[in-house]
């Protein structure tokens, strides 16, 4: 698309480079593409041995819109920022950051 060799491409609505590349997201008013909903997948054994994981993951339910995910992806893919830094900022903004300053270096 950058080199104007194609007119249309299927992509994810959360792709951080949409704005960078000057792309336009079209509405799928015929519902050709199935909805794309990211979900955590965790092994049962992990939830059994670490029950706090379920509670921690449930805190994210409904907290990230497509636009927010696009901005997070852009921060990493477009601005080449450190993933951990971007995540920390997001968690703080959503009041989900429960780490202490001592855990910051992890």
PDB file of N, CA and C in Angstrom:
ATOM      1  N   UNK A   1       0.819  -1.183   0.000  1.00  0.00           N
ATOM      2  CA  UNK A   1       0.000   0.000   0.000  1.00  0.00           C
ATOM      3  C   UNK A   1       0.868   1.255   0.000  1.00  0.00           C
ATOM      4  N   UNK A   2       1.977   1.188   0.686  1.00  0.00           N
ATOM      5  CA  UNK A   2       2.854   2.356   0.742  1.00  0.00           C
ATOM      6  C   UNK A   2       3.336   2.721  -0.659  1.00  0.00           C
ATOM      7  N   UNK A   3       3.662   1.696  -1.443  1.00  0.00           N
ATOM      8  CA  UNK A   3       4.165   1.928  -2.796  1.00  0.00           C
ATOM      9  C   UNK A   3       3.042   1.994  -3.828  1.00  0.00           C
ATOM     10  N   UNK A   4       1.797   2.053  -3.361  1.00  0.00           N
ATOM     11  CA  UNK A   4       0.618   2.180  -4.220  1.00  0.00           C
ATOM     12  C   UNK A   4       0.509   1.034  -5.223  1.00  0.00           C
ATOM     13  N   UNK A   5       0.843  -0.179  -4.768  1.00  0.00           N
ATOM     14  CA  UNK A   5       0.736  -1.368  -5.605  1.00  0.00           C
ATOM     15  C   UNK A   5      -0.580  -2.111  -5.380  1.00  0.00           C
ATOM     16  N   UNK A   6      -1.256  -1.833  -4.271  1.00  0.00           N
ATOM     17  CA  UNK A   6      -2.550  -2.459  -3.970  1.00  0.00           C
ATOM     18  C   UNK A   6      -3.522  -1.378  -3.514  1.00  0.00           C
ATOM     19  N   UNK A   7      -4.797  -1.666  -3.643  1.00  0.00           N
ATOM     20  CA  UNK A   7      -5.822  -0.697  -3.263  1.00  0.00           C
ATOM     21  C   UNK A   7      -6.467  -1.005  -1.918  1.00  0.00           C
ATOM     22  N   UNK A   8      -6.445  -2.270  -1.528  1.00  0.00           N
ATOM     23  CA  UNK A   8      -7.159  -2.687  -0.327  1.00  0.00           C
ATOM     24  C   UNK A   8      -6.414  -3.824   0.340  1.00  0.00           C
ATOM     25  N   UNK A   9      -6.399  -3.824   1.648  1.00  0.00           N
ATOM     26  CA  UNK A   9      -5.782  -4.910   2.396  1.00  0.00           C
ATOM     27  C   UNK A   9      -6.604  -5.145   3.657  1.00  0.00           C
ATOM     28  N   UNK A  10      -6.730  -6.406   4.035  1.00  0.00           N
ATOM     29  CA  UNK A  10      -7.411  -6.727   5.294  1.00  0.00           C
ATOM     30  C   UNK A  10      -6.384  -6.630   6.411  1.00  0.00           C
ATOM     31  N   UNK A  11      -6.736  -5.968   7.470  1.00  0.00           N
ATOM     32  CA  UNK A  11      -5.824  -5.818   8.598  1.00  0.00           C
ATOM     33  C   UNK A  11      -6.598  -5.813   9.896  1.00  0.00           C
ATOM     34  N   UNK A  12      -5.908  -5.583  10.969  1.00  0.00           N
ATOM     35  CA  UNK A  12      -6.539  -5.504  12.283  1.00  0.00           C
ATOM     36  C   UNK A  12      -6.850  -4.052  12.614  1.00  0.00           C
ATOM     37  N   UNK A  13      -8.000  -3.824  13.200  1.00  0.00           N
ATOM     38  CA  UNK A  13      -8.394  -2.453  13.551  1.00  0.00           C
ATOM     39  C   UNK A  13      -7.505  -1.865  14.634  1.00  0.00           C
ATOM     40  N   UNK A  14      -6.720  -2.711  15.291  1.00  0.00           N
ATOM     41  CA  UNK A  14      -5.846  -2.232  16.364  1.00  0.00           C
ATOM     42  C   UNK A  14      -4.407  -2.036  15.902  1.00  0.00           C
ATOM     43  N   UNK A  15      -4.156  -2.133  14.612  1.00  0.00           N
ATOM     44  CA  UNK A  15      -2.805  -1.958  14.086  1.00  0.00           C
ATOM     45  C   UNK A  15      -2.339  -0.529  14.337  1.00  0.00           C
ATOM     46  N   UNK A  16      -1.216  -0.395  14.979  1.00  0.00           N
ATOM     47  CA  UNK A  16      -0.697   0.915  15.344  1.00  0.00           C
ATOM     48  C   UNK A  16      -0.218   1.759  14.179  1.00  0.00           C
ATOM     49  N   UNK A  17       0.008   1.148  13.038  1.00  0.00           N
ATOM     50  CA  UNK A  17       0.547   1.893  11.901  1.00  0.00           C
ATOM     51  C   UNK A  17      -0.531   2.437  10.967  1.00  0.00           C
ATOM     52  N   UNK A  18      -1.801   2.256  11.298  1.00  0.00           N
ATOM     53  CA  UNK A  18      -2.888   2.761  10.450  1.00  0.00           C
ATOM     54  C   UNK A  18      -2.728   4.257  10.211  1.00  0.00           C
ATOM     55  N   UNK A  19      -2.564   5.016  11.270  1.00  0.00           N
ATOM     56  CA  UNK A  19      -2.425   6.469  11.130  1.00  0.00           C
ATOM     57  C   UNK A  19      -1.093   6.836  10.484  1.00  0.00           C
ATOM     58  N   UNK A  20      -0.037   6.139  10.862  1.00  0.00           N
ATOM     59  CA  UNK A  20       1.287   6.431  10.326  1.00  0.00           C
ATOM     60  C   UNK A  20       1.321   6.308   8.809  1.00  0.00           C
ATOM     61  N   UNK A  21       0.665   5.285   8.290  1.00  0.00           N
ATOM     62  CA  UNK A  21       0.679   5.040   6.851  1.00  0.00           C
ATOM     63  C   UNK A  21      -0.433   5.786   6.118  1.00  0.00           C
ATOM     64  N   UNK A  22      -1.221   6.549   6.861  1.00  0.00           N
ATOM     65  CA  UNK A  22      -2.296   7.317   6.241  1.00  0.00           C
ATOM     66  C   UNK A  22      -3.409   6.448   5.686  1.00  0.00           C
ATOM     67  N   UNK A  23      -3.674   5.321   6.343  1.00  0.00           N
ATOM     68  CA  UNK A  23      -4.707   4.404   5.880  1.00  0.00           C
ATOM     69  C   UNK A  23      -6.072   4.819   6.419  1.00  0.00           C
ATOM     70  N   UNK A  24      -7.099   4.422   5.734  1.00  0.00           N
ATOM     71  CA  UNK A  24      -8.467   4.683   6.159  1.00  0.00           C
ATOM     72  C   UNK A  24      -9.124   3.358   6.505  1.00  0.00           C
ATOM     73  N   UNK A  25      -9.718   3.283   7.673  1.00  0.00           N
ATOM     74  CA  UNK A  25     -10.423   2.074   8.091  1.00  0.00           C
ATOM     75  C   UNK A  25     -11.853   2.161   7.559  1.00  0.00           C
ATOM     76  N   UNK A  26     -12.236   1.162   6.791  1.00  0.00           N
ATOM     77  CA  UNK A  26     -13.586   1.127   6.228  1.00  0.00           C
ATOM     78  C   UNK A  26     -14.529   0.384   7.164  1.00  0.00           C
ATOM     79  N   UNK A  27     -15.778   0.808   7.195  1.00  0.00           N
ATOM     80  CA  UNK A  27     -16.782   0.117   7.995  1.00  0.00           C
ATOM     81  C   UNK A  27     -17.232  -1.128   7.234  1.00  0.00           C
ATOM     82  N   UNK A  28     -17.268  -2.240   7.924  1.00  0.00           N
ATOM     83  CA  UNK A  28     -17.705  -3.504   7.335  1.00  0.00           C
ATOM     84  C   UNK A  28     -19.212  -3.641   7.573  1.00  0.00           C
ATOM     85  N   UNK A  29     -19.996  -2.847   6.847  1.00  0.00           N
ATOM     86  CA  UNK A  29     -21.440  -2.816   7.094  1.00  0.00           C
ATOM     87  C   UNK A  29     -22.166  -4.070   6.602  1.00  0.00           C
ATOM     88  N   UNK A  30     -21.460  -4.944   5.918  1.00  0.00           N
ATOM     89  CA  UNK A  30     -22.056  -6.218   5.490  1.00  0.00           C
ATOM     90  C   UNK A  30     -21.600  -7.367   6.386  1.00  0.00           C
ATOM     91  N   UNK A  31     -20.781  -7.044   7.360  1.00  0.00           N
ATOM     92  CA  UNK A  31     -20.299  -8.025   8.352  1.00  0.00           C
ATOM     93  C   UNK A  31     -19.609  -9.222   7.689  1.00  0.00           C
ATOM     94  N   UNK A  32     -18.791  -8.907   6.691  1.00  0.00           N
ATOM     95  CA  UNK A  32     -18.034  -9.945   5.998  1.00  0.00           C
ATOM     96  C   UNK A  32     -16.979 -10.554   6.919  1.00  0.00           C
ATOM     97  N   UNK A  33     -16.271  -9.683   7.649  1.00  0.00           N
ATOM     98  CA  UNK A  33     -15.218 -10.154   8.539  1.00  0.00           C
ATOM     99  C   UNK A  33     -15.795 -10.423   9.924  1.00  0.00           C
ATOM    100  N   UNK A  34     -15.404 -11.532  10.542  1.00  0.00           N
ATOM    101  CA  UNK A  34     -15.899 -11.805  11.898  1.00  0.00           C
ATOM    102  C   UNK A  34     -15.291 -10.815  12.888  1.00  0.00           C
ATOM    103  N   UNK A  35     -15.977 -10.572  14.004  1.00  0.00           N
ATOM    104  CA  UNK A  35     -15.420  -9.665  15.020  1.00  0.00           C
ATOM    105  C   UNK A  35     -14.082 -10.207  15.532  1.00  0.00           C
ATOM    106  N   UNK A  36     -13.198  -9.301  15.838  1.00  0.00           N
ATOM    107  CA  UNK A  36     -11.885  -9.666  16.369  1.00  0.00           C
ATOM    108  C   UNK A  36     -11.839  -9.227  17.822  1.00  0.00           C
ATOM    109  N   UNK A  37     -11.919 -10.180  18.706  1.00  0.00           N
ATOM    110  CA  UNK A  37     -11.880  -9.888  20.133  1.00  0.00           C
ATOM    111  C   UNK A  37     -10.713 -10.657  20.742  1.00  0.00           C
ATOM    112  N   UNK A  38      -9.755  -9.936  21.263  1.00  0.00           N
ATOM    113  CA  UNK A  38      -8.621 -10.584  21.916  1.00  0.00           C
ATOM    114  C   UNK A  38      -9.053 -11.090  23.288  1.00  0.00           C
ATOM    115  N   UNK A  39      -8.644 -12.293  23.618  1.00  0.00           N
ATOM    116  CA  UNK A  39      -8.966 -12.870  24.923  1.00  0.00           C
ATOM    117  C   UNK A  39      -7.730 -13.567  25.478  1.00  0.00           C
ATOM    118  N   UNK A  40      -7.581 -13.555  26.788  1.00  0.00           N
ATOM    119  CA  UNK A  40      -6.461 -14.296  27.374  1.00  0.00           C
ATOM    120  C   UNK A  40      -6.765 -15.796  27.366  1.00  0.00           C
ATOM    121  N   UNK A  41      -5.755 -16.582  27.108  1.00  0.00           N
ATOM    122  CA  UNK A  41      -5.875 -18.038  27.162  1.00  0.00           C
ATOM    123  C   UNK A  41      -4.851 -18.514  28.179  1.00  0.00           C
ATOM    124  N   UNK A  42      -5.344 -19.200  29.204  1.00  0.00           N
ATOM    125  CA  UNK A  42      -4.476 -19.642  30.298  1.00  0.00           C
ATOM    126  C   UNK A  42      -4.731 -21.124  30.558  1.00  0.00           C
ATOM    127  N   UNK A  43      -3.683 -21.862  30.760  1.00  0.00           N
ATOM    128  CA  UNK A  43      -3.827 -23.285  31.072  1.00  0.00           C
ATOM    129  C   UNK A  43      -4.509 -23.462  32.423  1.00  0.00           C
ATOM    130  N   UNK A  44      -5.367 -24.462  32.521  1.00  0.00           N
ATOM    131  CA  UNK A  44      -6.080 -24.754  33.761  1.00  0.00           C
ATOM    132  C   UNK A  44      -5.098 -24.971  34.919  1.00  0.00           C
ATOM    133  N   UNK A  45      -4.006 -25.664  34.632  1.00  0.00           N
ATOM    134  CA  UNK A  45      -3.009 -25.934  35.674  1.00  0.00           C
ATOM    135  C   UNK A  45      -2.436 -24.633  36.238  1.00  0.00           C
ATOM    136  N   UNK A  46      -2.261 -23.656  35.367  1.00  0.00           N
ATOM    137  CA  UNK A  46      -1.735 -22.362  35.811  1.00  0.00           C
ATOM    138  C   UNK A  46      -2.725 -21.677  36.732  1.00  0.00           C
ATOM    139  N   UNK A  47      -4.009 -21.698  36.363  1.00  0.00           N
ATOM    140  CA  UNK A  47      -5.027 -21.072  37.212  1.00  0.00           C
ATOM    141  C   UNK A  47      -5.170 -21.795  38.544  1.00  0.00           C
ATOM    142  N   UNK A  48      -4.978 -23.110  38.523  1.00  0.00           N
ATOM    143  CA  UNK A  48      -5.061 -23.884  39.763  1.00  0.00           C
ATOM    144  C   UNK A  48      -3.895 -23.562  40.679  1.00  0.00           C
ATOM    145  N   UNK A  49      -2.700 -23.512  40.121  1.00  0.00           N
ATOM    146  CA  UNK A  49      -1.521 -23.264  40.963  1.00  0.00           C
ATOM    147  C   UNK A  49      -1.300 -21.787  41.273  1.00  0.00           C
ATOM    148  N   UNK A  50      -1.904 -20.902  40.492  1.00  0.00           N
ATOM    149  CA  UNK A  50      -1.763 -19.456  40.714  1.00  0.00           C
ATOM    150  C   UNK A  50      -3.137 -18.785  40.585  1.00  0.00           C
ATOM    151  N   UNK A  51      -4.007 -18.942  41.575  1.00  0.00           N
ATOM    152  CA  UNK A  51      -5.375 -18.417  41.468  1.00  0.00           C
ATOM    153  C   UNK A  51      -5.455 -16.902  41.280  1.00  0.00           C
ATOM    154  N   UNK A  52      -4.440 -16.182  41.669  1.00  0.00           N
ATOM    155  CA  UNK A  52      -4.462 -14.723  41.521  1.00  0.00           C
ATOM    156  C   UNK A  52      -4.425 -14.303  40.051  1.00  0.00           C
ATOM    157  N   UNK A  53      -3.978 -15.191  39.175  1.00  0.00           N
ATOM    158  CA  UNK A  53      -3.910 -14.870  37.749  1.00  0.00           C
ATOM    159  C   UNK A  53      -5.306 -14.572  37.204  1.00  0.00           C
ATOM    160  N   UNK A  54      -6.295 -15.376  37.599  1.00  0.00           N
ATOM    161  CA  UNK A  54      -7.667 -15.171  37.116  1.00  0.00           C
ATOM    162  C   UNK A  54      -8.177 -13.786  37.510  1.00  0.00           C
ATOM    163  N   UNK A  55      -7.965 -13.418  38.768  1.00  0.00           N
ATOM    164  CA  UNK A  55      -8.423 -12.107  39.247  1.00  0.00           C
ATOM    165  C   UNK A  55      -7.686 -10.977  38.528  1.00  0.00           C
ATOM    166  N   UNK A  56      -6.386 -11.150  38.335  1.00  0.00           N
ATOM    167  CA  UNK A  56      -5.600 -10.110  37.664  1.00  0.00           C
ATOM    168  C   UNK A  56      -6.075  -9.916  36.224  1.00  0.00           C
ATOM    169  N   UNK A  57      -6.320 -11.005  35.525  1.00  0.00           N
ATOM    170  CA  UNK A  57      -6.774 -10.904  34.138  1.00  0.00           C
ATOM    171  C   UNK A  57      -8.177 -10.322  34.040  1.00  0.00           C
ATOM    172  N   UNK A  58      -9.025 -10.634  35.004  1.00  0.00           N
ATOM    173  CA  UNK A  58     -10.401 -10.121  34.946  1.00  0.00           C
ATOM    174  C   UNK A  58     -10.445  -8.602  35.105  1.00  0.00           C
ATOM    175  N   UNK A  59      -9.417  -8.030  35.717  1.00  0.00           N
ATOM    176  CA  UNK A  59      -9.366  -6.571  35.860  1.00  0.00           C
ATOM    177  C   UNK A  59      -9.270  -5.860  34.510  1.00  0.00           C
ATOM    178  N   UNK A  60      -8.799  -6.560  33.489  1.00  0.00           N
ATOM    179  CA  UNK A  60      -8.643  -5.955  32.166  1.00  0.00           C
ATOM    180  C   UNK A  60      -9.920  -5.986  31.342  1.00  0.00           C
ATOM    181  N   UNK A  61     -10.895  -6.748  31.776  1.00  0.00           N
ATOM    182  CA  UNK A  61     -12.130  -6.902  31.009  1.00  0.00           C
ATOM    183  C   UNK A  61     -12.779  -5.548  30.733  1.00  0.00           C
ATOM    184  N   UNK A  62     -12.930  -5.240  29.453  1.00  0.00           N
ATOM    185  CA  UNK A  62     -13.567  -3.991  29.048  1.00  0.00           C
ATOM    186  C   UNK A  62     -12.736  -2.740  29.252  1.00  0.00           C
ATOM    187  N   UNK A  63     -11.458  -2.875  29.539  1.00  0.00           N
ATOM    188  CA  UNK A  63     -10.611  -1.718  29.836  1.00  0.00           C
ATOM    189  C   UNK A  63      -9.846  -1.179  28.631  1.00  0.00           C
ATOM    190  N   UNK A  64      -9.794  -1.945  27.529  1.00  0.00           N
ATOM    191  CA  UNK A  64      -8.987  -1.519  26.385  1.00  0.00           C
ATOM    192  C   UNK A  64      -9.872  -1.447  25.141  1.00  0.00           C
ATOM    193  N   UNK A  65     -10.093  -0.245  24.641  1.00  0.00           N
ATOM    194  CA  UNK A  65     -10.864  -0.069  23.403  1.00  0.00           C
ATOM    195  C   UNK A  65      -9.944  -0.295  22.200  1.00  0.00           C
ATOM    196  N   UNK A  66     -10.541  -0.424  21.027  1.00  0.00           N
ATOM    197  CA  UNK A  66      -9.731  -0.565  19.808  1.00  0.00           C
ATOM    198  C   UNK A  66      -8.802   0.631  19.640  1.00  0.00           C
ATOM    199  N   UNK A  67      -9.322   1.826  19.893  1.00  0.00           N
ATOM    200  CA  UNK A  67      -8.516   3.047  19.743  1.00  0.00           C
ATOM    201  C   UNK A  67      -7.341   3.044  20.716  1.00  0.00           C
ATOM    202  N   UNK A  68      -7.582   2.633  21.957  1.00  0.00           N
ATOM    203  CA  UNK A  68      -6.487   2.576  22.935  1.00  0.00           C
ATOM    204  C   UNK A  68      -5.457   1.534  22.521  1.00  0.00           C
ATOM    205  N   UNK A  69      -5.918   0.377  22.054  1.00  0.00           N
ATOM    206  CA  UNK A  69      -4.989  -0.665  21.630  1.00  0.00           C
ATOM    207  C   UNK A  69      -4.183  -0.193  20.436  1.00  0.00           C
ATOM    208  N   UNK A  70      -4.813   0.549  19.537  1.00  0.00           N
ATOM    209  CA  UNK A  70      -4.108   1.105  18.381  1.00  0.00           C
ATOM    210  C   UNK A  70      -3.013   2.055  18.843  1.00  0.00           C
ATOM    211  N   UNK A  71      -3.332   2.907  19.829  1.00  0.00           N
ATOM    212  CA  UNK A  71      -2.322   3.844  20.350  1.00  0.00           C
ATOM    213  C   UNK A  71      -1.177   3.094  21.032  1.00  0.00           C
ATOM    214  N   UNK A  72      -1.501   2.052  21.787  1.00  0.00           N
ATOM    215  CA  UNK A  72      -0.449   1.263  22.442  1.00  0.00           C
ATOM    216  C   UNK A  72       0.433   0.590  21.396  1.00  0.00           C
ATOM    217  N   UNK A  73      -0.189  -0.015  20.395  1.00  0.00           N
ATOM    218  CA  UNK A  73       0.584  -0.661  19.329  1.00  0.00           C
ATOM    219  C   UNK A  73       1.442   0.348  18.576  1.00  0.00           C
ATOM    220  N   UNK A  74       0.898   1.537  18.333  1.00  0.00           N
ATOM    221  CA  UNK A  74       1.673   2.564  17.644  1.00  0.00           C
ATOM    222  C   UNK A  74       2.881   2.992  18.478  1.00  0.00           C
ATOM    223  N   UNK A  75       2.694   3.125  19.781  1.00  0.00           N
ATOM    224  CA  UNK A  75       3.805   3.526  20.648  1.00  0.00           C
ATOM    225  C   UNK A  75       4.967   2.549  20.512  1.00  0.00           C
ATOM    226  N   UNK A  76       4.648   1.261  20.370  1.00  0.00           N
ATOM    227  CA  UNK A  76       5.696   0.239  20.249  1.00  0.00           C
ATOM    228  C   UNK A  76       6.179   0.117  18.803  1.00  0.00           C
ATOM    229  N   UNK A  77       5.246  -0.042  17.860  1.00  0.00           N
ATOM    230  CA  UNK A  77       5.630  -0.288  16.462  1.00  0.00           C
ATOM    231  C   UNK A  77       6.034   0.973  15.706  1.00  0.00           C
ATOM    232  N   UNK A  78       5.348   2.072  15.961  1.00  0.00           N
ATOM    233  CA  UNK A  78       5.610   3.307  15.222  1.00  0.00           C
ATOM    234  C   UNK A  78       6.665   4.185  15.852  1.00  0.00           C
ATOM    235  N   UNK A  79       6.622   4.290  17.190  1.00  0.00           N
ATOM    236  CA  UNK A  79       7.581   5.145  17.899  1.00  0.00           C
ATOM    237  C   UNK A  79       8.760   4.356  18.440  1.00  0.00           C
ATOM    238  N   UNK A  80       8.709   3.049  18.324  1.00  0.00           N
ATOM    239  CA  UNK A  80       9.779   2.150  18.774  1.00  0.00           C
ATOM    240  C   UNK A  80      10.075   2.300  20.266  1.00  0.00           C
ATOM    241  N   UNK A  81       9.021   2.508  21.047  1.00  0.00           N
ATOM    242  CA  UNK A  81       9.184   2.625  22.495  1.00  0.00           C
ATOM    243  C   UNK A  81       9.234   1.240  23.114  1.00  0.00           C
ATOM    244  N   UNK A  82       9.814   1.162  24.286  1.00  0.00           N
ATOM    245  CA  UNK A  82       9.932  -0.096  25.016  1.00  0.00           C
ATOM    246  C   UNK A  82       8.548  -0.587  25.442  1.00  0.00           C
ATOM    247  N   UNK A  83       8.268  -1.859  25.187  1.00  0.00           N
ATOM    248  CA  UNK A  83       6.967  -2.443  25.513  1.00  0.00           C
ATOM    249  C   UNK A  83       6.647  -2.275  26.994  1.00  0.00           C
ATOM    250  N   UNK A  84       7.619  -2.554  27.855  1.00  0.00           N
ATOM    251  CA  UNK A  84       7.371  -2.462  29.300  1.00  0.00           C
ATOM    252  C   UNK A  84       6.994  -1.041  29.713  1.00  0.00           C
ATOM    253  N   UNK A  85       7.643  -0.067  29.131  1.00  0.00           N
ATOM    254  CA  UNK A  85       7.346   1.335  29.440  1.00  0.00           C
ATOM    255  C   UNK A  85       5.916   1.690  29.018  1.00  0.00           C
ATOM    256  N   UNK A  86       5.533   1.265  27.832  1.00  0.00           N
ATOM    257  CA  UNK A  86       4.191   1.545  27.318  1.00  0.00           C
ATOM    258  C   UNK A  86       3.141   0.880  28.203  1.00  0.00           C
ATOM    259  N   UNK A  87       3.388  -0.360  28.589  1.00  0.00           N
ATOM    260  CA  UNK A  87       2.446  -1.082  29.453  1.00  0.00           C
ATOM    261  C   UNK A  87       2.338  -0.410  30.814  1.00  0.00           C
ATOM    262  N   UNK A  88       3.461  -0.027  31.389  1.00  0.00           N
ATOM    263  CA  UNK A  88       3.422   0.656  32.699  1.00  0.00           C
ATOM    264  C   UNK A  88       2.574   1.921  32.635  1.00  0.00           C
ATOM    265  N   UNK A  89       2.766   2.711  31.591  1.00  0.00           N
ATOM    266  CA  UNK A  89       1.986   3.944  31.440  1.00  0.00           C
ATOM    267  C   UNK A  89       0.496   3.644  31.317  1.00  0.00           C
ATOM    268  N   UNK A  90       0.163   2.622  30.549  1.00  0.00           N
ATOM    269  CA  UNK A  90      -1.240   2.244  30.387  1.00  0.00           C
ATOM    270  C   UNK A  90      -1.839   1.803  31.719  1.00  0.00           C
ATOM    271  N   UNK A  91      -1.119   0.946  32.443  1.00  0.00           N
ATOM    272  CA  UNK A  91      -1.624   0.452  33.727  1.00  0.00           C
ATOM    273  C   UNK A  91      -1.830   1.593  34.717  1.00  0.00           C
ATOM    274  N   UNK A  92      -0.907   2.526  34.738  1.00  0.00           N
ATOM    275  CA  UNK A  92      -1.057   3.680  35.635  1.00  0.00           C
ATOM    276  C   UNK A  92      -2.271   4.518  35.250  1.00  0.00           C
ATOM    277  N   UNK A  93      -2.434   4.757  33.965  1.00  0.00           N
ATOM    278  CA  UNK A  93      -3.562   5.573  33.493  1.00  0.00           C
ATOM    279  C   UNK A  93      -4.906   4.926  33.817  1.00  0.00           C
ATOM    280  N   UNK A  94      -4.951   3.607  33.828  1.00  0.00           N
ATOM    281  CA  UNK A  94      -6.187   2.875  34.124  1.00  0.00           C
ATOM    282  C   UNK A  94      -6.299   2.514  35.608  1.00  0.00           C
ATOM    283  N   UNK A  95      -5.345   2.982  36.397  1.00  0.00           N
ATOM    284  CA  UNK A  95      -5.307   2.694  37.838  1.00  0.00           C
ATOM    285  C   UNK A  95      -5.256   1.187  38.102  1.00  0.00           C
ATOM    286  N   UNK A  96      -4.505   0.477  37.275  1.00  0.00           N
ATOM    287  CA  UNK A  96      -4.332  -0.963  37.428  1.00  0.00           C
ATOM    288  C   UNK A  96      -2.924  -1.319  37.871  1.00  0.00           C
ATOM    289  N   UNK A  97      -2.075  -0.326  38.003  1.00  0.00           N
ATOM    290  CA  UNK A  97      -0.684  -0.570  38.370  1.00  0.00           C
ATOM    291  C   UNK A  97      -0.581  -0.725  39.875  1.00  0.00           C
ATOM    292  N   UNK A  98      -0.337  -1.951  40.315  1.00  0.00           N
ATOM    293  CA  UNK A  98      -0.210  -2.202  41.749  1.00  0.00           C
ATOM    294  C   UNK A  98       1.231  -2.482  42.138  1.00  0.00           C
ATOM    295  N   UNK A  99       2.149  -2.300  41.199  1.00  0.00           N
ATOM    296  CA  UNK A  99       3.551  -2.582  41.506  1.00  0.00           C
ATOM    297  C   UNK A  99       4.130  -1.492  42.385  1.00  0.00           C
ATOM    298  N   UNK A 100       5.072  -1.900  43.162  1.00  0.00           N
ATOM    299  CA  UNK A 100       5.783  -0.942  44.004  1.00  0.00           C
ATOM    300  C   UNK A 100       6.991  -0.449  43.234  1.00  0.00           C
ATOM    301  N   UNK A 101       7.596   0.665  43.660  1.00  0.00           N
ATOM    302  CA  UNK A 101       8.802   1.149  42.976  1.00  0.00           C
ATOM    303  C   UNK A 101       9.896   0.095  42.909  1.00  0.00           C
ATOM    304  N   UNK A 102       9.944  -0.808  43.883  1.00  0.00           N
ATOM    305  CA  UNK A 102      10.971  -1.848  43.888  1.00  0.00           C
ATOM    306  C   UNK A 102      10.770  -2.823  42.733  1.00  0.00           C
ATOM    307  N   UNK A 103       9.526  -2.988  42.258  1.00  0.00           N
ATOM    308  CA  UNK A 103       9.249  -3.915  41.178  1.00  0.00           C
ATOM    309  C   UNK A 103       9.468  -3.287  39.807  1.00  0.00           C
ATOM    310  N   UNK A 104       9.663  -1.993  39.758  1.00  0.00           N
ATOM    311  CA  UNK A 104       9.810  -1.282  38.490  1.00  0.00           C
ATOM    312  C   UNK A 104      10.933  -1.835  37.630  1.00  0.00           C
ATOM    313  N   UNK A 105      12.017  -2.297  38.225  1.00  0.00           N
ATOM    314  CA  UNK A 105      13.164  -2.768  37.467  1.00  0.00           C
ATOM    315  C   UNK A 105      12.994  -4.142  36.877  1.00  0.00           C
ATOM    316  N   UNK A 106      11.918  -4.836  37.207  1.00  0.00           N
ATOM    317  CA  UNK A 106      11.728  -6.201  36.715  1.00  0.00           C
ATOM    318  C   UNK A 106      11.486  -6.261  35.242  1.00  0.00           C
TER     319      UNK A 106
END
